[in-house]
PDB file of N, CA and C in Angstrom:
ATOM      1  N   MET A   1       0.860  -1.145   0.046  1.00  0.00           N
ATOM      2  CA  MET A   1       0.011  -0.058   0.059  1.00  0.00           C
ATOM      3  C   MET A   1       0.823   1.193  -0.041  1.00  0.00           C
ATOM      4  N   ALA A   2       0.518   2.164  -0.842  1.00  0.00           N
ATOM      5  CA  ALA A   2       1.447   3.485  -0.957  1.00  0.00           C
ATOM      6  C   ALA A   2       1.084   4.288   0.132  1.00  0.00           C
ATOM      7  N   ILE A   3       1.994   5.138   0.545  1.00  0.00           N
ATOM      8  CA  ILE A   3       1.727   6.144   1.541  1.00  0.00           C
ATOM      9  C   ILE A   3       0.594   7.049   1.352  1.00  0.00           C
ATOM     10  N   GLY A   4       0.407   7.469   0.099  1.00  0.00           N
ATOM     11  CA  GLY A   4      -0.722   8.295  -0.152  1.00  0.00           C
ATOM     12  C   GLY A   4      -2.089   7.629   0.042  1.00  0.00           C
ATOM     13  N   GLU A   5      -2.181   6.377  -0.287  1.00  0.00           N
ATOM     14  CA  GLU A   5      -3.404   5.668  -0.095  1.00  0.00           C
ATOM     15  C   GLU A   5      -3.649   5.460   1.487  1.00  0.00           C
ATOM     16  N   PHE A   6      -2.606   5.145   2.111  1.00  0.00           N
ATOM     17  CA  PHE A   6      -2.682   5.005   3.606  1.00  0.00           C
ATOM     18  C   PHE A   6      -3.145   6.278   4.274  1.00  0.00           C
ATOM     19  N   THR A   7      -2.681   7.372   3.844  1.00  0.00           N
ATOM     20  CA  THR A   7      -3.017   8.657   4.453  1.00  0.00           C
ATOM     21  C   THR A   7      -4.442   8.906   4.134  1.00  0.00           C
ATOM     22  N   LYS A   8      -4.834   8.601   2.850  1.00  0.00           N
ATOM     23  CA  LYS A   8      -6.255   8.798   2.422  1.00  0.00           C
ATOM     24  C   LYS A   8      -7.290   7.982   3.302  1.00  0.00           C
ATOM     25  N   GLN A   9      -6.797   6.733   3.581  1.00  0.00           N
ATOM     26  CA  GLN A   9      -7.592   5.816   4.314  1.00  0.00           C
ATOM     27  C   GLN A   9      -7.849   6.436   5.715  1.00  0.00           C
ATOM     28  N   ILE A  10      -6.717   6.785   6.443  1.00  0.00           N
ATOM     29  CA  ILE A  10      -6.812   7.332   7.701  1.00  0.00           C
ATOM     30  C   ILE A  10      -7.645   8.620   7.831  1.00  0.00           C
ATOM     31  N   ALA A  11      -7.564   9.473   6.715  1.00  0.00           N
ATOM     32  CA  ALA A  11      -8.453  10.640   6.774  1.00  0.00           C
ATOM     33  C   ALA A  11      -9.813  10.271   6.500  1.00  0.00           C
ATOM     34  N   GLN A  12     -10.172   9.341   5.798  1.00  0.00           N
ATOM     35  CA  GLN A  12     -11.550   8.894   5.596  1.00  0.00           C
ATOM     36  C   GLN A  12     -12.060   8.361   6.989  1.00  0.00           C
ATOM     37  N   GLN A  13     -11.278   7.613   7.750  1.00  0.00           N
ATOM     38  CA  GLN A  13     -11.764   6.947   8.979  1.00  0.00           C
ATOM     39  C   GLN A  13     -11.845   8.145  10.044  1.00  0.00           C
ATOM     40  N   ALA A  14     -11.016   9.053   9.929  1.00  0.00           N
ATOM     41  CA  ALA A  14     -11.241  10.223  10.875  1.00  0.00           C
ATOM     42  C   ALA A  14     -12.521  10.969  10.650  1.00  0.00           C
ATOM     43  N   ILE A  15     -12.860  11.155   9.383  1.00  0.00           N
ATOM     44  CA  ILE A  15     -14.001  11.931   8.929  1.00  0.00           C
ATOM     45  C   ILE A  15     -15.287  11.070   9.391  1.00  0.00           C
ATOM     46  N   LEU A  16     -15.199   9.830   9.065  1.00  0.00           N
ATOM     47  CA  LEU A  16     -16.355   8.886   9.475  1.00  0.00           C
ATOM     48  C   LEU A  16     -16.544   8.883  11.061  1.00  0.00           C
ATOM     49  N   SER A  17     -15.513   8.735  11.766  1.00  0.00           N
ATOM     50  CA  SER A  17     -15.629   8.744  13.166  1.00  0.00           C
ATOM     51  C   SER A  17     -16.079  10.141  13.829  1.00  0.00           C
ATOM     52  N   ALA A  18     -15.620  11.110  13.146  1.00  0.00           N
ATOM     53  CA  ALA A  18     -16.128  12.492  13.619  1.00  0.00           C
ATOM     54  C   ALA A  18     -17.540  12.807  13.409  1.00  0.00           C
ATOM     55  N   THR A  19     -18.125  12.117  12.215  1.00  0.00           N
ATOM     56  CA  THR A  19     -19.546  12.427  11.942  1.00  0.00           C
ATOM     57  C   THR A  19     -20.443  11.358  12.359  1.00  0.00           C
ATOM     58  N   SER A  20     -19.960  10.352  12.901  1.00  0.00           N
ATOM     59  CA  SER A  20     -20.907   9.164  13.365  1.00  0.00           C
ATOM     60  C   SER A  20     -21.736   9.706  14.453  1.00  0.00           C
ATOM     61  N   LYS A  21     -22.996   9.035  14.511  1.00  0.00           N
ATOM     62  CA  LYS A  21     -23.878   9.426  15.563  1.00  0.00           C
ATOM     63  C   LYS A  21     -23.650   8.816  16.910  1.00  0.00           C
ATOM     64  N   ASP A  22     -22.559   7.945  17.015  1.00  0.00           N
ATOM     65  CA  ASP A  22     -22.198   7.437  18.253  1.00  0.00           C
ATOM     66  C   ASP A  22     -21.135   8.261  19.013  1.00  0.00           C
ATOM     67  N   ALA A  23     -20.713   9.217  18.369  1.00  0.00           N
ATOM     68  CA  ALA A  23     -19.728  10.159  19.101  1.00  0.00           C
ATOM     69  C   ALA A  23     -20.506  10.853  20.333  1.00  0.00           C
ATOM     70  N   PRO A  24     -19.898  10.922  21.394  1.00  0.00           N
ATOM     71  CA  PRO A  24     -20.452  11.549  22.663  1.00  0.00           C
ATOM     72  C   PRO A  24     -20.719  13.008  22.247  1.00  0.00           C
ATOM     73  N   PRO A  25     -21.834  13.477  22.827  1.00  0.00           N
ATOM     74  CA  PRO A  25     -22.240  14.930  22.488  1.00  0.00           C
ATOM     75  C   PRO A  25     -21.293  15.848  23.357  1.00  0.00           C
ATOM     76  N   SER A  26     -21.074  16.883  22.765  1.00  0.00           N
ATOM     77  CA  SER A  26     -20.231  17.925  23.473  1.00  0.00           C
ATOM     78  C   SER A  26     -20.885  18.413  24.655  1.00  0.00           C
ATOM     79  N   PRO A  27     -20.183  18.654  25.807  1.00  0.00           N
ATOM     80  CA  PRO A  27     -20.907  19.211  26.933  1.00  0.00           C
ATOM     81  C   PRO A  27     -21.581  20.454  26.650  1.00  0.00           C
ATOM     82  N   ALA A  28     -22.818  20.730  27.212  1.00  0.00           N
ATOM     83  CA  ALA A  28     -23.358  21.992  26.851  1.00  0.00           C
ATOM     84  C   ALA A  28     -22.893  23.052  27.818  1.00  0.00           C
ATOM     85  N   THR A  29     -22.566  24.242  27.292  1.00  0.00           N
ATOM     86  CA  THR A  29     -22.153  25.289  28.125  1.00  0.00           C
ATOM     87  C   THR A  29     -23.346  26.014  28.744  1.00  0.00           C
ATOM     88  N   PRO A  30     -23.370  26.396  29.946  1.00  0.00           N
ATOM     89  CA  PRO A  30     -24.363  27.021  30.583  1.00  0.00           C
ATOM     90  C   PRO A  30     -24.651  28.323  29.934  1.00  0.00           C
ATOM     91  N   GLN A  31     -25.833  28.674  29.618  1.00  0.00           N
ATOM     92  CA  GLN A  31     -26.142  29.884  28.934  1.00  0.00           C
ATOM     93  C   GLN A  31     -26.121  31.094  30.085  1.00  0.00           C
ATOM     94  N   GLU A  32     -25.617  32.158  29.756  1.00  0.00           N
ATOM     95  CA  GLU A  32     -25.649  33.347  30.758  1.00  0.00           C
ATOM     96  C   GLU A  32     -26.958  33.934  30.646  1.00  0.00           C
ATOM     97  N   ASN A  33     -27.474  34.384  31.892  1.00  0.00           N
ATOM     98  CA  ASN A  33     -28.740  35.016  31.958  1.00  0.00           C
ATOM     99  C   ASN A  33     -28.509  36.575  31.819  1.00  0.00           C
ATOM    100  N   PRO A  34     -28.733  37.206  30.659  1.00  0.00           N
ATOM    101  CA  PRO A  34     -28.380  38.561  30.660  1.00  0.00           C
ATOM    102  C   PRO A  34     -29.126  39.521  31.679  1.00  0.00           C
ATOM    103  N   SER A  35     -30.426  39.234  31.826  1.00  0.00           N
ATOM    104  CA  SER A  35     -31.303  40.049  32.833  1.00  0.00           C
ATOM    105  C   SER A  35     -30.684  39.972  34.165  1.00  0.00           C
ATOM    106  N   ALA A  36     -30.265  38.667  34.533  1.00  0.00           N
ATOM    107  CA  ALA A  36     -29.678  38.506  35.854  1.00  0.00           C
ATOM    108  C   ALA A  36     -28.397  39.185  36.101  1.00  0.00           C
ATOM    109  N   VAL A  37     -27.611  39.203  35.043  1.00  0.00           N
ATOM    110  CA  VAL A  37     -26.275  39.923  35.037  1.00  0.00           C
ATOM    111  C   VAL A  37     -26.621  41.457  35.373  1.00  0.00           C
ATOM    112  N   VAL A  38     -27.634  42.108  34.676  1.00  0.00           N
ATOM    113  CA  VAL A  38     -27.938  43.447  34.914  1.00  0.00           C
ATOM    114  C   VAL A  38     -28.351  43.647  36.398  1.00  0.00           C
ATOM    115  N   LEU A  39     -29.278  42.792  36.846  1.00  0.00           N
ATOM    116  CA  LEU A  39     -29.733  42.922  38.222  1.00  0.00           C
ATOM    117  C   LEU A  39     -28.530  42.727  39.210  1.00  0.00           C
ATOM    118  N   GLY A  40     -27.637  41.774  38.994  1.00  0.00           N
ATOM    119  CA  GLY A  40     -26.571  41.527  39.881  1.00  0.00           C
ATOM    120  C   GLY A  40     -25.632  42.716  39.854  1.00  0.00           C
ATOM    121  N   GLN A  41     -25.388  43.342  38.760  1.00  0.00           N
ATOM    122  CA  GLN A  41     -24.419  44.502  38.723  1.00  0.00           C
ATOM    123  C   GLN A  41     -25.078  45.667  39.498  1.00  0.00           C
ATOM    124  N   VAL A  42     -26.374  45.991  39.310  1.00  0.00           N
ATOM    125  CA  VAL A  42     -26.942  47.099  40.028  1.00  0.00           C
ATOM    126  C   VAL A  42     -27.103  46.786  41.538  1.00  0.00           C
ATOM    127  N   ALA A  43     -27.313  45.456  41.970  1.00  0.00           N
ATOM    128  CA  ALA A  43     -27.275  45.174  43.389  1.00  0.00           C
ATOM    129  C   ALA A  43     -25.967  45.255  44.053  1.00  0.00           C
ATOM    130  N   ALA A  44     -24.878  44.976  43.228  1.00  0.00           N
ATOM    131  CA  ALA A  44     -23.494  45.099  43.722  1.00  0.00           C
ATOM    132  C   ALA A  44     -23.175  46.560  43.910  1.00  0.00           C
ATOM    133  N   MET A  45     -23.579  47.482  42.900  1.00  0.00           N
ATOM    134  CA  MET A  45     -23.369  48.824  43.133  1.00  0.00           C
ATOM    135  C   MET A  45     -24.077  49.466  44.398  1.00  0.00           C
ATOM    136  N   GLN A  46     -25.341  49.046  44.459  1.00  0.00           N
ATOM    137  CA  GLN A  46     -26.115  49.518  45.661  1.00  0.00           C
ATOM    138  C   GLN A  46     -25.423  49.098  46.976  1.00  0.00           C
ATOM    139  N   LYS A  47     -24.982  47.813  47.018  1.00  0.00           N
ATOM    140  CA  LYS A  47     -24.398  47.356  48.189  1.00  0.00           C
ATOM    141  C   LYS A  47     -23.244  48.069  48.693  1.00  0.00           C
ATOM    142  N   ALA A  48     -22.455  48.669  47.750  1.00  0.00           N
ATOM    143  CA  ALA A  48     -21.216  49.376  48.039  1.00  0.00           C
ATOM    144  C   ALA A  48     -21.525  50.842  48.522  1.00  0.00           C
ATOM    145  N   LEU A  49     -22.863  51.271  48.579  1.00  0.00           N
ATOM    146  CA  LEU A  49     -23.054  52.567  48.791  1.00  0.00           C
ATOM    147  C   LEU A  49     -22.937  52.820  50.366  1.00  0.00           C
ATOM    148  N   LYS A  50     -22.621  54.076  50.674  1.00  0.00           N
ATOM    149  CA  LYS A  50     -22.569  54.519  52.086  1.00  0.00           C
ATOM    150  C   LYS A  50     -23.958  54.851  52.462  1.00  0.00           C
ATOM    151  N   ASP A  51     -24.195  55.094  53.800  1.00  0.00           N
ATOM    152  CA  ASP A  51     -25.637  55.266  54.311  1.00  0.00           C
ATOM    153  C   ASP A  51     -26.234  56.571  53.823  1.00  0.00           C
ATOM    154  N   ASP A  52     -25.473  57.484  53.406  1.00  0.00           N
ATOM    155  CA  ASP A  52     -26.026  58.864  52.895  1.00  0.00           C
ATOM    156  C   ASP A  52     -26.041  58.923  51.350  1.00  0.00           C
ATOM    157  N   GLU A  53     -25.712  57.782  50.709  1.00  0.00           N
ATOM    158  CA  GLU A  53     -25.636  57.773  49.313  1.00  0.00           C
ATOM    159  C   GLU A  53     -26.735  56.993  48.618  1.00  0.00           C
ATOM    160  N   GLU A  54     -27.058  57.231  47.336  1.00  0.00           N
ATOM    161  CA  GLU A  54     -27.953  56.620  46.558  1.00  0.00           C
ATOM    162  C   GLU A  54     -27.461  56.336  45.156  1.00  0.00           C
ATOM    163  N   LEU A  55     -27.889  55.329  44.527  1.00  0.00           N
ATOM    164  CA  LEU A  55     -27.526  55.026  43.151  1.00  0.00           C
ATOM    165  C   LEU A  55     -28.577  55.685  42.173  1.00  0.00           C
ATOM    166  N   VAL A  56     -28.102  56.634  41.448  1.00  0.00           N
ATOM    167  CA  VAL A  56     -29.034  57.281  40.500  1.00  0.00           C
ATOM    168  C   VAL A  56     -28.821  56.635  39.160  1.00  0.00           C
ATOM    169  N   ILE A  57     -29.947  55.921  38.744  1.00  0.00           N
ATOM    170  CA  ILE A  57     -29.934  55.222  37.440  1.00  0.00           C
ATOM    171  C   ILE A  57     -30.810  55.948  36.486  1.00  0.00           C
ATOM    172  N   THR A  58     -30.364  56.189  35.352  1.00  0.00           N
ATOM    173  CA  THR A  58     -31.266  56.857  34.306  1.00  0.00           C
ATOM    174  C   THR A  58     -31.146  56.073  33.036  1.00  0.00           C
ATOM    175  N   CYS A  59     -32.214  56.147  32.281  1.00  0.00           N
ATOM    176  CA  CYS A  59     -32.401  55.466  30.930  1.00  0.00           C
ATOM    177  C   CYS A  59     -33.237  56.522  30.113  1.00  0.00           C
ATOM    178  N   GLN A  60     -32.828  56.919  29.064  1.00  0.00           N
ATOM    179  CA  GLN A  60     -33.463  57.744  28.187  1.00  0.00           C
ATOM    180  C   GLN A  60     -34.193  58.937  28.928  1.00  0.00           C
ATOM    181  N   GLY A  61     -33.604  59.518  29.875  1.00  0.00           N
ATOM    182  CA  GLY A  61     -34.017  60.604  30.535  1.00  0.00           C
ATOM    183  C   GLY A  61     -34.948  60.211  31.681  1.00  0.00           C
ATOM    184  N   ILE A  62     -35.136  59.074  32.011  1.00  0.00           N
ATOM    185  CA  ILE A  62     -35.993  58.513  33.068  1.00  0.00           C
ATOM    186  C   ILE A  62     -35.166  58.158  34.168  1.00  0.00           C
ATOM    187  N   ARG A  63     -35.621  58.636  35.434  1.00  0.00           N
ATOM    188  CA  ARG A  63     -34.973  58.207  36.656  1.00  0.00           C
ATOM    189  C   ARG A  63     -35.653  56.935  37.117  1.00  0.00           C
ATOM    190  N   VAL A  64     -34.755  55.853  36.975  1.00  0.00           N
ATOM    191  CA  VAL A  64     -35.287  54.487  37.242  1.00  0.00           C
ATOM    192  C   VAL A  64     -35.372  54.283  38.883  1.00  0.00           C
ATOM    193  N   VAL A  65     -36.515  53.729  39.255  1.00  0.00           N
ATOM    194  CA  VAL A  65     -36.697  53.335  40.712  1.00  0.00           C
ATOM    195  C   VAL A  65     -36.904  51.904  40.881  1.00  0.00           C
ATOM    196  N   GLU A  66     -37.166  51.186  39.755  1.00  0.00           N
ATOM    197  CA  GLU A  66     -37.490  49.680  39.871  1.00  0.00           C
ATOM    198  C   GLU A  66     -37.074  49.101  38.452  1.00  0.00           C
ATOM    199  N   ILE A  67     -36.352  47.874  38.637  1.00  0.00           N
ATOM    200  CA  ILE A  67     -36.155  47.083  37.475  1.00  0.00           C
ATOM    201  C   ILE A  67     -36.711  45.703  37.742  1.00  0.00           C
ATOM    202  N   PHE A  68     -37.536  45.336  36.733  1.00  0.00           N
ATOM    203  CA  PHE A  68     -38.296  44.048  36.723  1.00  0.00           C
ATOM    204  C   PHE A  68     -37.737  43.256  35.521  1.00  0.00           C
ATOM    205  N   ALA A  69     -37.290  42.059  35.857  1.00  0.00           N
ATOM    206  CA  ALA A  69     -36.746  41.142  34.809  1.00  0.00           C
ATOM    207  C   ALA A  69     -37.738  40.010  34.613  1.00  0.00           C
ATOM    208  N   PRO A  70     -38.695  40.132  33.720  1.00  0.00           N
ATOM    209  CA  PRO A  70     -39.738  39.021  33.545  1.00  0.00           C
ATOM    210  C   PRO A  70     -39.282  37.875  32.711  1.00  0.00           C
ATOM    211  N   SER A  71     -38.138  38.131  31.978  1.00  0.00           N
ATOM    212  CA  SER A  71     -37.438  36.966  31.334  1.00  0.00           C
ATOM    213  C   SER A  71     -35.976  37.177  31.224  1.00  0.00           C
ATOM    214  N   ARG A  72     -35.288  36.228  30.633  1.00  0.00           N
ATOM    215  CA  ARG A  72     -33.770  36.317  30.478  1.00  0.00           C
ATOM    216  C   ARG A  72     -33.301  37.405  29.587  1.00  0.00           C
ATOM    217  N   GLN A  73     -34.242  37.819  28.602  1.00  0.00           N
ATOM    218  CA  GLN A  73     -33.848  38.811  27.621  1.00  0.00           C
ATOM    219  C   GLN A  73     -34.573  40.088  27.772  1.00  0.00           C
ATOM    220  N   MET A  74     -35.543  40.278  28.684  1.00  0.00           N
ATOM    221  CA  MET A  74     -36.269  41.484  28.694  1.00  0.00           C
ATOM    222  C   MET A  74     -36.240  42.029  30.125  1.00  0.00           C
ATOM    223  N   VAL A  75     -36.408  43.379  30.215  1.00  0.00           N
ATOM    224  CA  VAL A  75     -36.364  44.104  31.390  1.00  0.00           C
ATOM    225  C   VAL A  75     -37.429  45.246  31.327  1.00  0.00           C
ATOM    226  N   VAL A  76     -38.140  45.467  32.487  1.00  0.00           N
ATOM    227  CA  VAL A  76     -39.181  46.628  32.457  1.00  0.00           C
ATOM    228  C   VAL A  76     -38.628  47.589  33.488  1.00  0.00           C
ATOM    229  N   LEU A  77     -38.227  48.808  33.033  1.00  0.00           N
ATOM    230  CA  LEU A  77     -37.727  49.870  33.943  1.00  0.00           C
ATOM    231  C   LEU A  77     -38.952  50.714  34.430  1.00  0.00           C
ATOM    232  N   THR A  78     -39.107  50.994  35.643  1.00  0.00           N
ATOM    233  CA  THR A  78     -40.079  51.918  36.058  1.00  0.00           C
ATOM    234  C   THR A  78     -39.429  53.133  36.740  1.00  0.00           C
ATOM    235  N   GLY A  79     -40.052  54.243  36.368  1.00  0.00           N
ATOM    236  CA  GLY A  79     -39.317  55.494  37.006  1.00  0.00           C
ATOM    237  C   GLY A  79     -40.253  56.640  36.754  1.00  0.00           C
ATOM    238  N   HIS A  80     -39.530  57.885  36.754  1.00  0.00           N
ATOM    239  CA  HIS A  80     -40.320  59.109  36.596  1.00  0.00           C
ATOM    240  C   HIS A  80     -39.483  59.960  35.632  1.00  0.00           C
ATOM    241  N   ASP A  81     -40.363  60.678  34.668  1.00  0.00           N
ATOM    242  CA  ASP A  81     -39.701  61.544  33.735  1.00  0.00           C
ATOM    243  C   ASP A  81     -39.499  62.917  34.350  1.00  0.00           C
ATOM    244  N   ALA A  82     -39.136  63.901  33.612  1.00  0.00           N
ATOM    245  CA  ALA A  82     -38.840  65.322  34.053  1.00  0.00           C
ATOM    246  C   ALA A  82     -40.080  65.904  34.636  1.00  0.00           C
ATOM    247  N   ASP A  83     -41.244  65.409  34.209  1.00  0.00           N
ATOM    248  CA  ASP A  83     -42.555  66.132  34.751  1.00  0.00           C
ATOM    249  C   ASP A  83     -43.008  65.163  35.956  1.00  0.00           C
ATOM    250  N   ARG A  84     -42.188  64.372  36.409  1.00  0.00           N
ATOM    251  CA  ARG A  84     -42.453  63.469  37.464  1.00  0.00           C
ATOM    252  C   ARG A  84     -43.766  62.436  37.207  1.00  0.00           C
ATOM    253  N   ALA A  85     -43.967  62.246  35.931  1.00  0.00           N
ATOM    254  CA  ALA A  85     -44.884  61.251  35.549  1.00  0.00           C
ATOM    255  C   ALA A  85     -44.320  59.791  35.723  1.00  0.00           C
ATOM    256  N   LEU A  86     -45.225  58.879  36.081  1.00  0.00           N
ATOM    257  CA  LEU A  86     -44.718  57.531  36.190  1.00  0.00           C
ATOM    258  C   LEU A  86     -44.496  56.889  34.753  1.00  0.00           C
ATOM    259  N   THR A  87     -43.446  56.360  34.430  1.00  0.00           N
ATOM    260  CA  THR A  87     -42.967  55.991  33.092  1.00  0.00           C
ATOM    261  C   THR A  87     -42.493  54.631  33.231  1.00  0.00           C
ATOM    262  N   ARG A  88     -42.651  53.785  32.171  1.00  0.00           N
ATOM    263  CA  ARG A  88     -42.107  52.422  32.107  1.00  0.00           C
ATOM    264  C   ARG A  88     -41.418  52.277  30.649  1.00  0.00           C
ATOM    265  N   ILE A  89     -40.261  51.544  30.796  1.00  0.00           N
ATOM    266  CA  ILE A  89     -39.546  51.412  29.543  1.00  0.00           C
ATOM    267  C   ILE A  89     -39.453  49.930  29.497  1.00  0.00           C
ATOM    268  N   ILE A  90     -39.881  49.280  28.386  1.00  0.00           N
ATOM    269  CA  ILE A  90     -39.686  47.852  28.157  1.00  0.00           C
ATOM    270  C   ILE A  90     -38.700  47.664  27.134  1.00  0.00           C
ATOM    271  N   ALA A  91     -37.539  46.961  27.554  1.00  0.00           N
ATOM    272  CA  ALA A  91     -36.422  46.887  26.584  1.00  0.00           C
ATOM    273  C   ALA A  91     -35.690  45.441  26.597  1.00  0.00           C
ATOM    274  N   GLY A  92     -35.204  45.088  25.551  1.00  0.00           N
ATOM    275  CA  GLY A  92     -34.453  43.943  25.430  1.00  0.00           C
ATOM    276  C   GLY A  92     -33.063  44.238  26.189  1.00  0.00           C
ATOM    277  N   VAL A  93     -32.499  43.339  26.786  1.00  0.00           N
ATOM    278  CA  VAL A  93     -31.235  43.483  27.627  1.00  0.00           C
ATOM    279  C   VAL A  93     -30.214  43.837  26.737  1.00  0.00           C
ATOM    280  N   ASP A  94     -30.181  43.262  25.507  1.00  0.00           N
ATOM    281  CA  ASP A  94     -28.997  43.525  24.567  1.00  0.00           C
ATOM    282  C   ASP A  94     -28.956  45.006  24.063  1.00  0.00           C
ATOM    283  N   SER A  95     -30.088  45.722  24.177  1.00  0.00           N
ATOM    284  CA  SER A  95     -29.972  47.163  23.665  1.00  0.00           C
ATOM    285  C   SER A  95     -30.119  48.043  24.835  1.00  0.00           C
ATOM    286  N   LEU A  96     -30.128  47.604  26.022  1.00  0.00           N
ATOM    287  CA  LEU A  96     -30.341  48.361  27.165  1.00  0.00           C
ATOM    288  C   LEU A  96     -29.085  49.141  27.581  1.00  0.00           C
ATOM    289  N   GLN A  97     -29.207  50.522  27.867  1.00  0.00           N
ATOM    290  CA  GLN A  97     -28.084  51.355  28.227  1.00  0.00           C
ATOM    291  C   GLN A  97     -28.585  52.100  29.508  1.00  0.00           C
ATOM    292  N   LEU A  98     -27.897  51.726  30.568  1.00  0.00           N
ATOM    293  CA  LEU A  98     -28.238  52.493  31.874  1.00  0.00           C
ATOM    294  C   LEU A  98     -27.087  53.281  32.248  1.00  0.00           C
ATOM    295  N   VAL A  99     -27.435  54.489  32.764  1.00  0.00           N
ATOM    296  CA  VAL A  99     -26.351  55.342  33.262  1.00  0.00           C
ATOM    297  C   VAL A  99     -26.527  55.388  34.739  1.00  0.00           C
ATOM    298  N   CYS A 100     -25.382  54.943  35.522  1.00  0.00           N
ATOM    299  CA  CYS A 100     -25.444  54.834  36.973  1.00  0.00           C
ATOM    300  C   CYS A 100     -24.544  55.778  37.514  1.00  0.00           C
ATOM    301  N   LYS A 101     -24.953  56.505  38.496  1.00  0.00           N
ATOM    302  CA  LYS A 101     -24.182  57.522  39.214  1.00  0.00           C
ATOM    303  C   LYS A 101     -24.419  57.514  40.684  1.00  0.00           C
ATOM    304  N   VAL A 102     -23.401  57.591  41.511  1.00  0.00           N
ATOM    305  CA  VAL A 102     -23.584  57.589  42.933  1.00  0.00           C
ATOM    306  C   VAL A 102     -23.952  59.204  43.334  1.00  0.00           C
ATOM    307  N   GLY A 103     -24.968  59.333  44.082  1.00  0.00           N
ATOM    308  CA  GLY A 103     -25.275  60.660  44.521  1.00  0.00           C
ATOM    309  C   GLY A 103     -25.611  60.860  45.987  1.00  0.00           C
ATOM    310  N   LYS A 104     -25.542  61.967  46.606  1.00  0.00           N
ATOM    311  CA  LYS A 104     -25.857  62.139  47.981  1.00  0.00           C
ATOM    312  C   LYS A 104     -27.352  62.125  48.175  1.00  0.00           C
ATOM    313  N   ALA A 105     -28.038  61.521  49.199  1.00  0.00           N
ATOM    314  CA  ALA A 105     -29.373  61.540  49.473  1.00  0.00           C
ATOM    315  C   ALA A 105     -29.720  62.931  49.895  1.00  0.00           C
ATOM    316  N   GLN A 106     -31.083  63.271  49.665  1.00  0.00           N
ATOM    317  CA  GLN A 106     -31.537  64.617  50.142  1.00  0.00           C
ATOM    318  C   GLN A 106     -31.270  64.735  51.592  1.00  0.00           C
ATOM    319  N   PRO A 107     -30.881  65.858  52.044  1.00  0.00           N
ATOM    320  CA  PRO A 107     -30.684  66.110  53.492  1.00  0.00           C
ATOM    321  C   PRO A 107     -32.004  65.842  54.313  1.00  0.00           C
ATOM    322  N   GLY A 108     -31.852  65.014  55.248  1.00  0.00           N
ATOM    323  CA  GLY A 108     -32.936  64.603  56.124  1.00  0.00           C
ATOM    324  C   GLY A 108     -33.807  63.491  55.588  1.00  0.00           C
ATOM    325  N   GLY A 109     -33.493  63.118  54.248  1.00  0.00           N
ATOM    326  CA  GLY A 109     -34.266  62.146  53.686  1.00  0.00           C
ATOM    327  C   GLY A 109     -33.595  60.846  53.645  1.00  0.00           C
ATOM    328  N   LYS A 110     -34.368  59.764  53.312  1.00  0.00           N
ATOM    329  CA  LYS A 110     -33.849  58.449  53.273  1.00  0.00           C
ATOM    330  C   LYS A 110     -33.335  58.143  51.842  1.00  0.00           C
ATOM    331  N   PRO A 111     -32.158  57.590  51.755  1.00  0.00           N
ATOM    332  CA  PRO A 111     -31.583  57.341  50.401  1.00  0.00           C
ATOM    333  C   PRO A 111     -32.581  56.353  49.456  1.00  0.00           C
ATOM    334  N   LEU A 112     -32.738  56.592  48.246  1.00  0.00           N
ATOM    335  CA  LEU A 112     -33.666  55.822  47.458  1.00  0.00           C
ATOM    336  C   LEU A 112     -32.788  54.541  47.019  1.00  0.00           C
ATOM    337  N   ARG A 113     -33.488  53.477  47.118  1.00  0.00           N
ATOM    338  CA  ARG A 113     -32.758  52.133  46.682  1.00  0.00           C
ATOM    339  C   ARG A 113     -33.595  51.723  45.436  1.00  0.00           C
ATOM    340  N   VAL A 114     -32.983  51.315  44.421  1.00  0.00           N
ATOM    341  CA  VAL A 114     -33.722  50.802  43.199  1.00  0.00           C
ATOM    342  C   VAL A 114     -34.187  49.408  43.580  1.00  0.00           C
ATOM    343  N   GLY A 115     -35.580  49.223  43.335  1.00  0.00           N
ATOM    344  CA  GLY A 115     -36.076  47.910  43.578  1.00  0.00           C
ATOM    345  C   GLY A 115     -35.722  46.993  42.334  1.00  0.00           C
ATOM    346  N   LEU A 116     -35.269  45.769  42.793  1.00  0.00           N
ATOM    347  CA  LEU A 116     -34.785  44.718  41.789  1.00  0.00           C
ATOM    348  C   LEU A 116     -35.755  43.598  41.909  1.00  0.00           C
ATOM    349  N   ILE A 117     -36.348  43.210  40.858  1.00  0.00           N
ATOM    350  CA  ILE A 117     -37.510  42.175  41.018  1.00  0.00           C
ATOM    351  C   ILE A 117     -37.260  41.167  39.900  1.00  0.00           C
ATOM    352  N   THR A 118     -37.364  39.978  40.172  1.00  0.00           N
ATOM    353  CA  THR A 118     -37.331  38.875  39.325  1.00  0.00           C
ATOM    354  C   THR A 118     -38.618  38.037  39.453  1.00  0.00           C
ATOM    355  N   PRO A 119     -39.084  37.422  38.379  1.00  0.00           N
ATOM    356  CA  PRO A 119     -40.374  36.651  38.464  1.00  0.00           C
ATOM    357  C   PRO A 119     -40.276  35.630  39.490  1.00  0.00           C
ATOM    358  N   LYS A 120     -41.437  35.441  40.064  1.00  0.00           N
ATOM    359  CA  LYS A 120     -41.409  34.182  41.048  1.00  0.00           C
ATOM    360  C   LYS A 120     -41.438  32.781  40.337  1.00  0.00           C
ATOM    361  N   PRO A 121     -40.788  31.913  40.821  1.00  0.00           N
ATOM    362  CA  PRO A 121     -40.758  30.607  40.057  1.00  0.00           C
ATOM    363  C   PRO A 121     -42.172  30.030  40.131  1.00  0.00           C
ATOM    364  N   LYS A 122     -42.581  29.422  39.031  1.00  0.00           N
ATOM    365  CA  LYS A 122     -43.972  28.825  38.822  1.00  0.00           C
ATOM    366  C   LYS A 122     -43.979  27.600  39.739  1.00  0.00           C
ATOM    367  N   ASP A 123     -45.066  27.385  40.363  1.00  0.00           N
ATOM    368  CA  ASP A 123     -45.335  26.197  41.119  1.00  0.00           C
ATOM    369  C   ASP A 123     -45.545  25.032  40.247  1.00  0.00           C
ATOM    370  N   SER A 124     -44.826  24.045  40.334  1.00  0.00           N
ATOM    371  CA  SER A 124     -44.998  22.844  39.372  1.00  0.00           C
ATOM    372  C   SER A 124     -46.083  21.984  39.897  1.00  0.00           C
ATOM    373  N   ASN A 125     -46.607  22.091  41.151  1.00  0.00           N
ATOM    374  CA  ASN A 125     -47.657  21.291  41.610  1.00  0.00           C
ATOM    375  C   ASN A 125     -49.071  21.828  41.173  1.00  0.00           C
ATOM    376  N   ALA A 126     -49.140  22.966  40.589  1.00  0.00           N
ATOM    377  CA  ALA A 126     -50.530  23.430  40.240  1.00  0.00           C
ATOM    378  C   ALA A 126     -51.073  22.827  39.070  1.00  0.00           C
TER     379      ALA A 126
END
C-alpha cells in the first residue's frame, strides 16, 4: 500500500468517526442569563453605597426606581420623567443602556434604593 493511499484511508476513517452518531455529545455550556447579570451589577453597586448615598440610574431621561426582569432577555424599567410622571420602559437587555451614578441623598431624607424584581418561580404542583 502506498503512503498516499494509507493517508487517504486514515483521513476517511477520521471523517467517519467525527460524523458518526455514536460520538459523545459535546458538553453543553451554561447560557448566561443577561437580565440576571444586569440585576446583579445594580445590586452590587447599591451594596457598596454609604448610608447617605443613593444610586441614580437613568435611561432615556427617566430616573429608574425599579427594574423588573420578566425573562432572561427583557427588562421593564419603572421610573419618573422630568414632569414626575410615572413611566415604564420595556427593553431587550441587549439594547439596554443604563447610566449609573452615585449621588448624595436629600438632607434629612432616606436614600432611594432601586427595587430589583425577578419573576417568582412557577409552582410545578399547580
